[in-house]
Amino acid sequence: MVDPQKPIHVSKQDARAGSTPHVTRYILPISLVLVIVIFAYLVLR
């Protein structure tokens, strides 16, 4: 049984249990630029 007084320490990688490929840093700016271009096209036509 686990002692409730003793804290459990887990590393960040073990707690996350996965990898972080940083895809968001590419998808967010690309999609933002696409939305701006599409809106500009719709407004200016």
Foldseek 3Di string as FASTA:
>chain_A
DDDPVDDDDDDPCVVVVDDDPPVCVVVVVVVVVVVVVVVVVVVVD
